[in-house]
Every structure is written in C-alpha cells, then in structure tokens.
C-alpha cells in the first residue's frame, strides 16, 4: 500500500504591508519609495489566510517598504495572524521611525524584530541613510528590553566594515544576531557591483574572529546566522521558498514565492483571492552546478532567487558556505 502523500502546506508567509519607505537604499530589490504607494489591507490579508493552505504553527514575516510607516496595519495584521494560529511573527524594519506604540506592541505581543543596518555610520549612510536615527532607535529597543537581530547586505563597499559593525552591536545587550545578505542584483541593485569571492572570504573570517572576541566578554552571544547554514541535520533545501512552502503577499494582493521576485510576472502565483497553488507547490529550484562535488558537509545549497537573478551572485553563496565550514 502506497503512503498517503503529505498535503501541501505553507510554512512561511511574508506580508509586504506597504511599498512606501523613507529611505532610497541603493540596492532595494523593490525600488521601495520610487513606486506608487500601495498598502496591504487587512481584508486582503484575511483573504490570503482563507485561501492559502497555511500550516499549523507557521511563521509570518511582516516587511515592506517600511512597516514602521503603517503601524496600525502592522498591529491589525499581526493580531489577525495570532488568531489564525501563526506561532512566530516577526517584523523587518529600517528602524528609522519607531514610535512608542510600536515598541510597546512588539514587546507585549512578543513580535520578533529584525533591523536592516549595513555598517557603522559612514558605511550605512552611503548605502541606506539616516544612521543616527537608526542607532537612536536601537537604543530604545535595547532599553525597552526588546531583542533584535540585524541583517546587513554584503556589497563591495560594506565588507571591510563588518568587524566594526559587530563591535557596534556588541554595545547593545539586546542585539542577538547578525545575518549576512549577499546583494541580489535586481531592482535598484542591478547596477551595484558584487564583491569578489576572496574579499567575501576574508570579510567572513574577520567578522568571525571579532565575534569570537566579543562573545568571550558578553553574557549572551552575538550569533552569526550563517554559522547555522552548515548543519548536518539541516533540511535539504535552502529555504521554504525552494521547497514550495513559502509565499509572499504583496500590497496589491498578488502572490510570489520570494520577496526578491515580487513584480516579476514569470514568477507570479495568483492572488489572495485566487492563489495558484500548483505554482507555489513547485517552489524554486536552484542550479546545482558543482554541488555534487562540493566538500561542505550539510550545506543547504544556494539561495534559489539569487541564483535566478545572477549566476555570479549564486557563486558567492558557495563562498560563504565554504568560509563558514572553514571556521567550524
């Protein structure tokens, strides 16, 4: 007797609550702030939950644009998600404008907070802007006892500053993690030069050495997310999108498998009102060139959306994994 196939379920829903943003990051894949403003309605979000096969205990990531510009929508969508059974809810913010209500909400509702920051002020101001405001709000998060992680985009201009970024974050006890996001050459990032593999490797080693020094002196370690990408017990896919278990809900209600692919019609997966479940189930397949002979044990492979955008960017994924393996 053949086993009953596992039903298709969505483990990760990313809700893009607005296209508006105060910043004009040089590599923004969505060109946020330069496209007509559109906000995600609670009705559209509710329709998506009704029509998508959301797994019990799924994760919701609230992003934009900048969610801090539409706090009432963030509050309503997060509460709706809690009622819908989502186990984990997070918000990704540029931390430029976070009011007291926003801080109180994420603390009381135990919402995870991710902050985009590309380095100390001289670096972050060039790539993103308004670093003084960001650091002031990191202090407010810290003083309010709200844990946060930081994601930094790796470009030619930000690599060398990673140790300084780690030292900066070490001054905030509530800072818990650093994630490295290799540039995706789409949107405004299509004209930004990628770093070389040698420089990525050196930057990773320098960052790891700095974190080791910091964590010997810190009560709670500052974790490098990429260390967890080399795990012999890990899933055999890079992310839920590759496995067909993720969906991104855009403000218009259109669905896509990954945030980096929003707006690209060849990757559209229907709408909140009429999702294309077959397209979502297919997921994203990353090219496996070279993976059969790779010596990195437990590697989850390459980011599939980055591989679709640029083979050169995909190759840097492999550089990061090898660097992480070498450190281990």
C-alpha atoms as a PDB file:
ATOM      1  CA  UNK A   1       0.000   0.000   0.000  1.00  0.00           C
ATOM      2  CA  UNK A   2       1.485   3.352  -1.003  1.00  0.00           C
ATOM      3  CA  UNK A   3       1.826   6.040   1.627  1.00  0.00           C
ATOM      4  CA  UNK A   4      -0.564   8.974   1.515  1.00  0.00           C
ATOM      5  CA  UNK A   5       1.327  11.986   0.132  1.00  0.00           C
ATOM      6  CA  UNK A   6       1.901  14.810   2.561  1.00  0.00           C
ATOM      7  CA  UNK A   7      -0.559  17.664   1.924  1.00  0.00           C
ATOM      8  CA  UNK A   8       0.856  20.907   0.605  1.00  0.00           C
ATOM      9  CA  UNK A   9       1.287  23.438   3.397  1.00  0.00           C
ATOM     10  CA  UNK A  10       2.756  26.933   3.651  1.00  0.00           C
ATOM     11  CA  UNK A  11       5.270  27.297   6.498  1.00  0.00           C
ATOM     12  CA  UNK A  12       6.265  30.917   5.811  1.00  0.00           C
ATOM     13  CA  UNK A  13       4.070  33.844   4.786  1.00  0.00           C
ATOM     14  CA  UNK A  14       5.755  37.176   4.082  1.00  0.00           C
ATOM     15  CA  UNK A  15       3.334  40.119   4.146  1.00  0.00           C
ATOM     16  CA  UNK A  16       4.609  43.256   2.426  1.00  0.00           C
ATOM     17  CA  UNK A  17       2.483  45.849   4.184  1.00  0.00           C
ATOM     18  CA  UNK A  18       3.489  48.890   2.120  1.00  0.00           C
ATOM     19  CA  UNK A  19       5.614  49.984  -0.800  1.00  0.00           C
ATOM     20  CA  UNK A  20       6.424  53.287   0.932  1.00  0.00           C
ATOM     21  CA  UNK A  21       9.812  53.885   2.575  1.00  0.00           C
ATOM     22  CA  UNK A  22      11.720  56.877   3.986  1.00  0.00           C
ATOM     23  CA  UNK A  23      14.984  55.579   2.519  1.00  0.00           C
ATOM     24  CA  UNK A  24      16.225  55.004  -1.009  1.00  0.00           C
ATOM     25  CA  UNK A  25      18.642  52.140  -0.441  1.00  0.00           C
ATOM     26  CA  UNK A  26      20.976  51.815  -3.400  1.00  0.00           C
ATOM     27  CA  UNK A  27      20.221  48.101  -3.863  1.00  0.00           C
ATOM     28  CA  UNK A  28      16.495  47.878  -2.999  1.00  0.00           C
ATOM     29  CA  UNK A  29      15.018  44.985  -4.981  1.00  0.00           C
ATOM     30  CA  UNK A  30      11.528  46.530  -4.771  1.00  0.00           C
ATOM     31  CA  UNK A  31      12.605  50.086  -5.613  1.00  0.00           C
ATOM     32  CA  UNK A  32      10.637  50.992  -2.480  1.00  0.00           C
ATOM     33  CA  UNK A  33       9.670  54.628  -2.254  1.00  0.00           C
ATOM     34  CA  UNK A  34      10.081  55.136  -6.001  1.00  0.00           C
ATOM     35  CA  UNK A  35       6.991  53.166  -6.993  1.00  0.00           C
ATOM     36  CA  UNK A  36       3.383  54.292  -6.408  1.00  0.00           C
ATOM     37  CA  UNK A  37       2.373  53.881  -2.781  1.00  0.00           C
ATOM     38  CA  UNK A  38       0.205  50.880  -2.031  1.00  0.00           C
ATOM     39  CA  UNK A  39      -0.667  49.488   1.415  1.00  0.00           C
ATOM     40  CA  UNK A  40      -1.817  45.985   2.280  1.00  0.00           C
ATOM     41  CA  UNK A  41      -5.354  45.927   3.670  1.00  0.00           C
ATOM     42  CA  UNK A  42      -6.449  43.643   6.481  1.00  0.00           C
ATOM     43  CA  UNK A  43      -9.216  42.342   4.203  1.00  0.00           C
ATOM     44  CA  UNK A  44      -6.655  41.242   1.602  1.00  0.00           C
ATOM     45  CA  UNK A  45      -4.571  39.599   4.321  1.00  0.00           C
ATOM     46  CA  UNK A  46      -7.659  37.793   5.649  1.00  0.00           C
ATOM     47  CA  UNK A  47      -8.484  36.609   2.131  1.00  0.00           C
ATOM     48  CA  UNK A  48      -4.983  35.183   1.755  1.00  0.00           C
ATOM     49  CA  UNK A  49      -5.294  33.281   5.037  1.00  0.00           C
ATOM     50  CA  UNK A  50      -8.649  31.907   3.925  1.00  0.00           C
ATOM     51  CA  UNK A  51      -7.418  30.666   0.546  1.00  0.00           C
ATOM     52  CA  UNK A  52      -3.850  29.538   1.283  1.00  0.00           C
ATOM     53  CA  UNK A  53      -3.021  26.181   2.951  1.00  0.00           C
ATOM     54  CA  UNK A  54      -1.230  27.691   5.940  1.00  0.00           C
ATOM     55  CA  UNK A  55       0.457  25.046   8.099  1.00  0.00           C
ATOM     56  CA  UNK A  56      -0.310  24.925  11.820  1.00  0.00           C
ATOM     57  CA  UNK A  57       2.384  26.871  13.644  1.00  0.00           C
ATOM     58  CA  UNK A  58       3.512  28.729  10.506  1.00  0.00           C
ATOM     59  CA  UNK A  59       5.704  31.833  10.579  1.00  0.00           C
ATOM     60  CA  UNK A  60       4.659  35.328   9.463  1.00  0.00           C
ATOM     61  CA  UNK A  61       7.254  37.903   8.433  1.00  0.00           C
ATOM     62  CA  UNK A  62       5.976  41.478   8.110  1.00  0.00           C
ATOM     63  CA  UNK A  63       8.065  43.603   5.761  1.00  0.00           C
ATOM     64  CA  UNK A  64       7.818  46.386   3.191  1.00  0.00           C
ATOM     65  CA  UNK A  65       8.756  49.069   2.116  1.00  0.00           C
ATOM     66  CA  UNK A  66       8.913  50.134   5.725  1.00  0.00           C
ATOM     67  CA  UNK A  67       6.354  48.651   8.161  1.00  0.00           C
ATOM     68  CA  UNK A  68       7.038  51.407  10.713  1.00  0.00           C
ATOM     69  CA  UNK A  69       5.251  53.851   8.408  1.00  0.00           C
ATOM     70  CA  UNK A  70       1.953  51.955   8.699  1.00  0.00           C
ATOM     71  CA  UNK A  71       1.899  50.814  12.350  1.00  0.00           C
ATOM     72  CA  UNK A  72      -1.877  50.354  12.527  1.00  0.00           C
ATOM     73  CA  UNK A  73      -1.750  47.906   9.621  1.00  0.00           C
ATOM     74  CA  UNK A  74       1.112  46.045  11.271  1.00  0.00           C
ATOM     75  CA  UNK A  75      -0.877  45.773  14.513  1.00  0.00           C
ATOM     76  CA  UNK A  76      -4.050  44.579  12.751  1.00  0.00           C
ATOM     77  CA  UNK A  77      -2.272  42.008  10.570  1.00  0.00           C
ATOM     78  CA  UNK A  78      -0.199  40.644  13.455  1.00  0.00           C
ATOM     79  CA  UNK A  79      -3.302  40.236  15.640  1.00  0.00           C
ATOM     80  CA  UNK A  80      -5.163  38.560  12.790  1.00  0.00           C
ATOM     81  CA  UNK A  81      -2.253  36.182  12.325  1.00  0.00           C
ATOM     82  CA  UNK A  82      -2.210  35.280  16.012  1.00  0.00           C
ATOM     83  CA  UNK A  83      -5.889  34.409  15.818  1.00  0.00           C
ATOM     84  CA  UNK A  84      -5.104  32.359  12.720  1.00  0.00           C
ATOM     85  CA  UNK A  85      -2.619  30.156  14.580  1.00  0.00           C
ATOM     86  CA  UNK A  86       0.750  31.556  13.456  1.00  0.00           C
ATOM     87  CA  UNK A  87       3.346  30.511  16.021  1.00  0.00           C
ATOM     88  CA  UNK A  88       6.031  33.071  15.174  1.00  0.00           C
ATOM     89  CA  UNK A  89       5.598  36.621  13.939  1.00  0.00           C
ATOM     90  CA  UNK A  90       8.462  38.923  13.010  1.00  0.00           C
ATOM     91  CA  UNK A  91       8.831  42.373  11.531  1.00  0.00           C
ATOM     92  CA  UNK A  92      11.739  43.603   9.395  1.00  0.00           C
ATOM     93  CA  UNK A  93      12.308  47.337   9.778  1.00  0.00           C
ATOM     94  CA  UNK A  94      14.812  50.016   8.864  1.00  0.00           C
ATOM     95  CA  UNK A  95      14.314  51.346  12.441  1.00  0.00           C
ATOM     96  CA  UNK A  96      14.276  54.951  11.248  1.00  0.00           C
ATOM     97  CA  UNK A  97      10.881  55.832  12.758  1.00  0.00           C
ATOM     98  CA  UNK A  98       9.650  53.610  15.595  1.00  0.00           C
ATOM     99  CA  UNK A  99       7.159  55.290  17.901  1.00  0.00           C
ATOM    100  CA  UNK A 100       6.324  54.297  21.475  1.00  0.00           C
ATOM    101  CA  UNK A 101       3.188  52.416  20.409  1.00  0.00           C
ATOM    102  CA  UNK A 102       5.210  50.304  18.003  1.00  0.00           C
ATOM    103  CA  UNK A 103       7.773  49.439  20.670  1.00  0.00           C
ATOM    104  CA  UNK A 104       5.042  48.615  23.194  1.00  0.00           C
ATOM    105  CA  UNK A 105       3.252  46.396  20.678  1.00  0.00           C
ATOM    106  CA  UNK A 106       6.258  44.288  19.682  1.00  0.00           C
ATOM    107  CA  UNK A 107       7.229  43.866  23.328  1.00  0.00           C
ATOM    108  CA  UNK A 108       3.754  42.910  24.572  1.00  0.00           C
ATOM    109  CA  UNK A 109       2.922  40.681  21.606  1.00  0.00           C
ATOM    110  CA  UNK A 110       6.401  39.109  21.530  1.00  0.00           C
ATOM    111  CA  UNK A 111       6.998  40.071  17.913  1.00  0.00           C
ATOM    112  CA  UNK A 112      10.485  39.320  16.621  1.00  0.00           C
ATOM    113  CA  UNK A 113      12.353  42.389  15.382  1.00  0.00           C
ATOM    114  CA  UNK A 114      14.866  42.402  12.542  1.00  0.00           C
ATOM    115  CA  UNK A 115      16.719  45.614  11.698  1.00  0.00           C
ATOM    116  CA  UNK A 116      18.438  46.408   8.408  1.00  0.00           C
ATOM    117  CA  UNK A 117      21.830  48.002   9.031  1.00  0.00           C
ATOM    118  CA  UNK A 118      24.799  47.828   6.684  1.00  0.00           C
ATOM    119  CA  UNK A 119      27.587  49.001   8.965  1.00  0.00           C
ATOM    120  CA  UNK A 120      28.693  51.920  11.123  1.00  0.00           C
ATOM    121  CA  UNK A 121      27.519  55.407  10.158  1.00  0.00           C
ATOM    122  CA  UNK A 122      29.996  56.112   7.358  1.00  0.00           C
ATOM    123  CA  UNK A 123      29.039  52.911   5.532  1.00  0.00           C
ATOM    124  CA  UNK A 124      25.328  52.761   6.325  1.00  0.00           C
ATOM    125  CA  UNK A 125      24.770  56.393   5.384  1.00  0.00           C
ATOM    126  CA  UNK A 126      26.202  55.726   1.937  1.00  0.00           C
ATOM    127  CA  UNK A 127      24.104  52.622   1.219  1.00  0.00           C
ATOM    128  CA  UNK A 128      20.953  53.338   3.219  1.00  0.00           C
ATOM    129  CA  UNK A 129      20.963  56.648   5.115  1.00  0.00           C
ATOM    130  CA  UNK A 130      19.800  58.171   8.436  1.00  0.00           C
ATOM    131  CA  UNK A 131      22.082  56.066  10.598  1.00  0.00           C
ATOM    132  CA  UNK A 132      21.785  58.403  13.593  1.00  0.00           C
ATOM    133  CA  UNK A 133      18.039  57.751  13.699  1.00  0.00           C
ATOM    134  CA  UNK A 134      18.580  54.003  13.398  1.00  0.00           C
ATOM    135  CA  UNK A 135      21.082  53.901  16.245  1.00  0.00           C
ATOM    136  CA  UNK A 136      18.814  56.014  18.438  1.00  0.00           C
ATOM    137  CA  UNK A 137      16.026  53.514  17.907  1.00  0.00           C
ATOM    138  CA  UNK A 138      18.319  50.547  18.539  1.00  0.00           C
ATOM    139  CA  UNK A 139      18.983  52.148  21.912  1.00  0.00           C
ATOM    140  CA  UNK A 140      15.243  52.465  22.502  1.00  0.00           C
ATOM    141  CA  UNK A 141      14.717  48.809  21.597  1.00  0.00           C
ATOM    142  CA  UNK A 142      17.572  47.858  23.897  1.00  0.00           C
ATOM    143  CA  UNK A 143      16.350  49.999  26.796  1.00  0.00           C
ATOM    144  CA  UNK A 144      12.851  48.532  26.412  1.00  0.00           C
ATOM    145  CA  UNK A 145      14.277  45.006  26.705  1.00  0.00           C
ATOM    146  CA  UNK A 146      13.272  44.049  23.149  1.00  0.00           C
ATOM    147  CA  UNK A 147      15.659  41.559  21.488  1.00  0.00           C
ATOM    148  CA  UNK A 148      16.583  42.270  17.883  1.00  0.00           C
ATOM    149  CA  UNK A 149      18.699  40.874  15.093  1.00  0.00           C
ATOM    150  CA  UNK A 150      20.488  42.778  12.340  1.00  0.00           C
ATOM    151  CA  UNK A 151      20.700  41.944   8.657  1.00  0.00           C
ATOM    152  CA  UNK A 152      23.444  43.555   6.595  1.00  0.00           C
ATOM    153  CA  UNK A 153      23.683  43.458   2.813  1.00  0.00           C
ATOM    154  CA  UNK A 154      27.104  42.443   1.528  1.00  0.00           C
ATOM    155  CA  UNK A 155      28.420  44.761  -1.166  1.00  0.00           C
ATOM    156  CA  UNK A 156      31.902  45.770  -2.233  1.00  0.00           C
ATOM    157  CA  UNK A 157      31.595  48.823  -0.028  1.00  0.00           C
ATOM    158  CA  UNK A 158      30.360  47.144   3.155  1.00  0.00           C
ATOM    159  CA  UNK A 159      32.546  44.043   3.524  1.00  0.00           C
ATOM    160  CA  UNK A 160      35.525  45.642   5.237  1.00  0.00           C
ATOM    161  CA  UNK A 161      33.320  47.265   7.897  1.00  0.00           C
ATOM    162  CA  UNK A 162      31.793  44.025   9.239  1.00  0.00           C
ATOM    163  CA  UNK A 163      34.093  43.837  12.297  1.00  0.00           C
ATOM    164  CA  UNK A 164      33.224  47.445  13.148  1.00  0.00           C
ATOM    165  CA  UNK A 165      29.528  46.616  12.803  1.00  0.00           C
ATOM    166  CA  UNK A 166      29.967  43.711  15.234  1.00  0.00           C
ATOM    167  CA  UNK A 167      31.739  45.958  17.745  1.00  0.00           C
ATOM    168  CA  UNK A 168      28.925  48.497  17.419  1.00  0.00           C
ATOM    169  CA  UNK A 169      26.235  45.881  18.040  1.00  0.00           C
ATOM    170  CA  UNK A 170      28.180  44.491  20.984  1.00  0.00           C
ATOM    171  CA  UNK A 171      27.283  47.667  22.877  1.00  0.00           C
ATOM    172  CA  UNK A 172      23.593  46.638  22.807  1.00  0.00           C
ATOM    173  CA  UNK A 173      22.850  43.712  25.167  1.00  0.00           C
ATOM    174  CA  UNK A 174      19.581  43.027  23.330  1.00  0.00           C
ATOM    175  CA  UNK A 175      21.336  42.562  19.971  1.00  0.00           C
ATOM    176  CA  UNK A 176      21.162  38.817  19.359  1.00  0.00           C
ATOM    177  CA  UNK A 177      22.291  38.066  15.803  1.00  0.00           C
ATOM    178  CA  UNK A 178      23.905  39.252  12.586  1.00  0.00           C
ATOM    179  CA  UNK A 179      22.741  37.907   9.230  1.00  0.00           C
ATOM    180  CA  UNK A 180      24.652  38.389   6.004  1.00  0.00           C
ATOM    181  CA  UNK A 181      22.538  39.011   2.913  1.00  0.00           C
ATOM    182  CA  UNK A 182      24.525  38.875  -0.305  1.00  0.00           C
ATOM    183  CA  UNK A 183      23.476  41.540  -2.764  1.00  0.00           C
ATOM    184  CA  UNK A 184      20.724  40.493  -5.149  1.00  0.00           C
ATOM    185  CA  UNK A 185      21.322  42.375  -8.406  1.00  0.00           C
ATOM    186  CA  UNK A 186      17.659  43.200  -9.057  1.00  0.00           C
ATOM    187  CA  UNK A 187      15.653  46.416  -8.718  1.00  0.00           C
ATOM    188  CA  UNK A 188      17.936  49.308  -7.795  1.00  0.00           C
ATOM    189  CA  UNK A 189      20.631  46.721  -7.097  1.00  0.00           C
ATOM    190  CA  UNK A 190      21.002  45.790 -10.746  1.00  0.00           C
ATOM    191  CA  UNK A 191      23.774  48.359 -11.207  1.00  0.00           C
ATOM    192  CA  UNK A 192      25.652  47.642  -7.952  1.00  0.00           C
ATOM    193  CA  UNK A 193      28.913  45.716  -8.258  1.00  0.00           C
ATOM    194  CA  UNK A 194      29.134  42.392  -6.456  1.00  0.00           C
ATOM    195  CA  UNK A 195      32.125  41.753  -4.182  1.00  0.00           C
ATOM    196  CA  UNK A 196      34.792  39.257  -5.141  1.00  0.00           C
ATOM    197  CA  UNK A 197      34.911  35.800  -3.598  1.00  0.00           C
ATOM    198  CA  UNK A 198      38.297  36.434  -1.995  1.00  0.00           C
ATOM    199  CA  UNK A 199      37.020  39.544  -0.258  1.00  0.00           C
ATOM    200  CA  UNK A 200      33.875  37.771   0.942  1.00  0.00           C
ATOM    201  CA  UNK A 201      36.021  35.012   2.454  1.00  0.00           C
ATOM    202  CA  UNK A 202      38.333  37.480   4.205  1.00  0.00           C
ATOM    203  CA  UNK A 203      35.399  39.519   5.497  1.00  0.00           C
ATOM    204  CA  UNK A 204      33.721  36.416   6.903  1.00  0.00           C
ATOM    205  CA  UNK A 205      36.893  35.325   8.688  1.00  0.00           C
ATOM    206  CA  UNK A 206      37.463  38.797  10.104  1.00  0.00           C
ATOM    207  CA  UNK A 207      33.858  39.013  11.308  1.00  0.00           C
ATOM    208  CA  UNK A 208      34.022  35.550  12.896  1.00  0.00           C
ATOM    209  CA  UNK A 209      37.236  36.424  14.730  1.00  0.00           C
ATOM    210  CA  UNK A 210      35.712  39.662  16.012  1.00  0.00           C
ATOM    211  CA  UNK A 211      32.569  37.892  17.205  1.00  0.00           C
ATOM    212  CA  UNK A 212      34.643  35.259  18.993  1.00  0.00           C
ATOM    213  CA  UNK A 213      36.479  38.047  20.837  1.00  0.00           C
ATOM    214  CA  UNK A 214      33.181  39.789  21.671  1.00  0.00           C
ATOM    215  CA  UNK A 215      31.411  36.652  22.851  1.00  0.00           C
ATOM    216  CA  UNK A 216      34.168  35.776  25.309  1.00  0.00           C
ATOM    217  CA  UNK A 217      33.258  39.039  27.033  1.00  0.00           C
ATOM    218  CA  UNK A 218      29.495  39.007  26.603  1.00  0.00           C
ATOM    219  CA  UNK A 219      26.840  37.321  28.725  1.00  0.00           C
ATOM    220  CA  UNK A 220      24.648  36.414  25.751  1.00  0.00           C
ATOM    221  CA  UNK A 221      26.454  35.603  22.491  1.00  0.00           C
ATOM    222  CA  UNK A 222      26.018  37.646  19.344  1.00  0.00           C
ATOM    223  CA  UNK A 223      25.247  34.870  16.839  1.00  0.00           C
ATOM    224  CA  UNK A 224      26.287  34.828  13.191  1.00  0.00           C
ATOM    225  CA  UNK A 225      23.307  33.432  11.293  1.00  0.00           C
ATOM    226  CA  UNK A 226      25.459  31.913   8.540  1.00  0.00           C
ATOM    227  CA  UNK A 227      27.095  29.573  11.029  1.00  0.00           C
ATOM    228  CA  UNK A 228      23.754  27.756  11.181  1.00  0.00           C
ATOM    229  CA  UNK A 229      23.677  27.236   7.425  1.00  0.00           C
ATOM    230  CA  UNK A 230      26.258  24.468   7.814  1.00  0.00           C
ATOM    231  CA  UNK A 231      24.434  21.785   9.734  1.00  0.00           C
ATOM    232  CA  UNK A 232      24.499  18.067   9.065  1.00  0.00           C
ATOM    233  CA  UNK A 233      20.958  17.760  10.446  1.00  0.00           C
ATOM    234  CA  UNK A 234      19.618  20.627   8.359  1.00  0.00           C
ATOM    235  CA  UNK A 235      16.824  20.421   5.820  1.00  0.00           C
ATOM    236  CA  UNK A 236      17.877  19.553   2.285  1.00  0.00           C
ATOM    237  CA  UNK A 237      16.576  22.860   0.911  1.00  0.00           C
ATOM    238  CA  UNK A 238      17.954  26.353   1.324  1.00  0.00           C
ATOM    239  CA  UNK A 239      14.660  27.905   2.448  1.00  0.00           C
ATOM    240  CA  UNK A 240      10.875  27.284   2.476  1.00  0.00           C
ATOM    241  CA  UNK A 241      10.564  29.002  -0.927  1.00  0.00           C
ATOM    242  CA  UNK A 242      12.795  26.397  -2.575  1.00  0.00           C
ATOM    243  CA  UNK A 243      10.637  23.654  -1.085  1.00  0.00           C
ATOM    244  CA  UNK A 244       7.403  25.310  -2.256  1.00  0.00           C
ATOM    245  CA  UNK A 245       6.368  26.104   1.307  1.00  0.00           C
ATOM    246  CA  UNK A 246       6.619  29.909   1.264  1.00  0.00           C
ATOM    247  CA  UNK A 247       4.558  32.700  -0.229  1.00  0.00           C
ATOM    248  CA  UNK A 248       4.909  36.476  -0.385  1.00  0.00           C
ATOM    249  CA  UNK A 249       1.760  38.593  -0.266  1.00  0.00           C
ATOM    250  CA  UNK A 250       2.300  41.946  -1.970  1.00  0.00           C
ATOM    251  CA  UNK A 251       0.240  45.050  -1.072  1.00  0.00           C
ATOM    252  CA  UNK A 252      -1.872  44.569  -4.207  1.00  0.00           C
ATOM    253  CA  UNK A 253      -2.764  41.021  -3.161  1.00  0.00           C
ATOM    254  CA  UNK A 254      -0.558  39.382  -5.803  1.00  0.00           C
ATOM    255  CA  UNK A 255       1.388  36.320  -4.651  1.00  0.00           C
ATOM    256  CA  UNK A 256       5.011  35.378  -5.329  1.00  0.00           C
ATOM    257  CA  UNK A 257       7.323  32.636  -3.978  1.00  0.00           C
ATOM    258  CA  UNK A 258      10.050  35.048  -2.726  1.00  0.00           C
ATOM    259  CA  UNK A 259      10.376  38.738  -1.881  1.00  0.00           C
ATOM    260  CA  UNK A 260      13.183  39.115  -4.413  1.00  0.00           C
ATOM    261  CA  UNK A 261      10.833  38.038  -7.202  1.00  0.00           C
ATOM    262  CA  UNK A 262       7.901  40.321  -6.420  1.00  0.00           C
ATOM    263  CA  UNK A 263       6.636  42.051  -9.542  1.00  0.00           C
ATOM    264  CA  UNK A 264       8.216  39.580 -11.966  1.00  0.00           C
ATOM    265  CA  UNK A 265       5.266  38.138 -13.918  1.00  0.00           C
ATOM    266  CA  UNK A 266       7.064  34.896 -14.762  1.00  0.00           C
ATOM    267  CA  UNK A 267       7.092  34.086 -11.029  1.00  0.00           C
ATOM    268  CA  UNK A 268       3.534  35.204 -10.198  1.00  0.00           C
ATOM    269  CA  UNK A 269       1.471  32.677  -8.236  1.00  0.00           C
ATOM    270  CA  UNK A 270      -2.014  34.127  -8.474  1.00  0.00           C
ATOM    271  CA  UNK A 271      -3.608  36.377  -5.883  1.00  0.00           C
ATOM    272  CA  UNK A 272      -5.006  36.318  -2.373  1.00  0.00           C
ATOM    273  CA  UNK A 273      -8.442  35.807  -3.927  1.00  0.00           C
ATOM    274  CA  UNK A 274      -7.271  33.106  -6.357  1.00  0.00           C
ATOM    275  CA  UNK A 275      -3.899  31.582  -5.468  1.00  0.00           C
ATOM    276  CA  UNK A 276      -2.090  29.363  -7.977  1.00  0.00           C
ATOM    277  CA  UNK A 277      -1.334  26.526  -5.584  1.00  0.00           C
ATOM    278  CA  UNK A 278       0.315  24.398  -8.248  1.00  0.00           C
ATOM    279  CA  UNK A 279       2.844  27.155  -8.973  1.00  0.00           C
ATOM    280  CA  UNK A 280       3.519  27.662  -5.267  1.00  0.00           C
ATOM    281  CA  UNK A 281       3.971  23.924  -4.730  1.00  0.00           C
ATOM    282  CA  UNK A 282       6.623  23.755  -7.447  1.00  0.00           C
ATOM    283  CA  UNK A 283       8.828  26.096  -5.437  1.00  0.00           C
ATOM    284  CA  UNK A 284      12.126  27.430  -6.699  1.00  0.00           C
ATOM    285  CA  UNK A 285      14.872  25.198  -7.966  1.00  0.00           C
ATOM    286  CA  UNK A 286      18.389  26.476  -7.509  1.00  0.00           C
ATOM    287  CA  UNK A 287      21.022  25.365 -10.049  1.00  0.00           C
ATOM    288  CA  UNK A 288      23.097  22.556  -8.513  1.00  0.00           C
ATOM    289  CA  UNK A 289      26.177  23.041 -10.681  1.00  0.00           C
ATOM    290  CA  UNK A 290      29.168  21.947  -8.643  1.00  0.00           C
ATOM    291  CA  UNK A 291      27.112  20.771  -5.674  1.00  0.00           C
ATOM    292  CA  UNK A 292      27.767  17.098  -6.376  1.00  0.00           C
ATOM    293  CA  UNK A 293      31.475  17.595  -5.774  1.00  0.00           C
ATOM    294  CA  UNK A 294      31.212  20.193  -3.010  1.00  0.00           C
ATOM    295  CA  UNK A 295      33.137  19.335   0.140  1.00  0.00           C
ATOM    296  CA  UNK A 296      30.949  21.391   2.504  1.00  0.00           C
ATOM    297  CA  UNK A 297      29.088  18.840   4.617  1.00  0.00           C
ATOM    298  CA  UNK A 298      25.487  19.637   5.465  1.00  0.00           C
ATOM    299  CA  UNK A 299      25.295  22.667   3.181  1.00  0.00           C
ATOM    300  CA  UNK A 300      21.750  23.679   2.254  1.00  0.00           C
ATOM    301  CA  UNK A 301      22.806  24.896  -1.172  1.00  0.00           C
ATOM    302  CA  UNK A 302      22.366  28.241  -2.852  1.00  0.00           C
ATOM    303  CA  UNK A 303      19.663  30.878  -2.464  1.00  0.00           C
ATOM    304  CA  UNK A 304      17.365  29.985  -5.371  1.00  0.00           C
ATOM    305  CA  UNK A 305      16.116  33.524  -6.069  1.00  0.00           C
ATOM    306  CA  UNK A 306      19.674  34.887  -6.066  1.00  0.00           C
ATOM    307  CA  UNK A 307      20.679  32.133  -8.472  1.00  0.00           C
ATOM    308  CA  UNK A 308      17.807  33.090 -10.771  1.00  0.00           C
ATOM    309  CA  UNK A 309      18.936  36.721 -10.724  1.00  0.00           C
ATOM    310  CA  UNK A 310      22.669  36.203 -11.196  1.00  0.00           C
ATOM    311  CA  UNK A 311      24.964  33.149 -11.513  1.00  0.00           C
ATOM    312  CA  UNK A 312      27.805  35.295 -10.142  1.00  0.00           C
ATOM    313  CA  UNK A 313      25.776  36.167  -7.047  1.00  0.00           C
ATOM    314  CA  UNK A 314      24.862  32.491  -6.628  1.00  0.00           C
ATOM    315  CA  UNK A 315      28.526  31.523  -6.710  1.00  0.00           C
ATOM    316  CA  UNK A 316      29.147  33.838  -3.758  1.00  0.00           C
ATOM    317  CA  UNK A 317      26.647  31.768  -1.745  1.00  0.00           C
ATOM    318  CA  UNK A 318      29.072  28.883  -2.108  1.00  0.00           C
ATOM    319  CA  UNK A 319      31.940  31.120  -0.991  1.00  0.00           C
ATOM    320  CA  UNK A 320      30.042  31.965   2.192  1.00  0.00           C
ATOM    321  CA  UNK A 321      29.297  28.306   2.948  1.00  0.00           C
ATOM    322  CA  UNK A 322      32.945  27.306   2.463  1.00  0.00           C
ATOM    323  CA  UNK A 323      34.071  30.151   4.705  1.00  0.00           C
ATOM    324  CA  UNK A 324      31.634  29.050   7.405  1.00  0.00           C
ATOM    325  CA  UNK A 325      32.828  25.444   7.106  1.00  0.00           C
ATOM    326  CA  UNK A 326      36.462  26.535   7.413  1.00  0.00           C
ATOM    327  CA  UNK A 327      35.708  28.485  10.600  1.00  0.00           C
ATOM    328  CA  UNK A 328      33.976  25.473  12.132  1.00  0.00           C
END
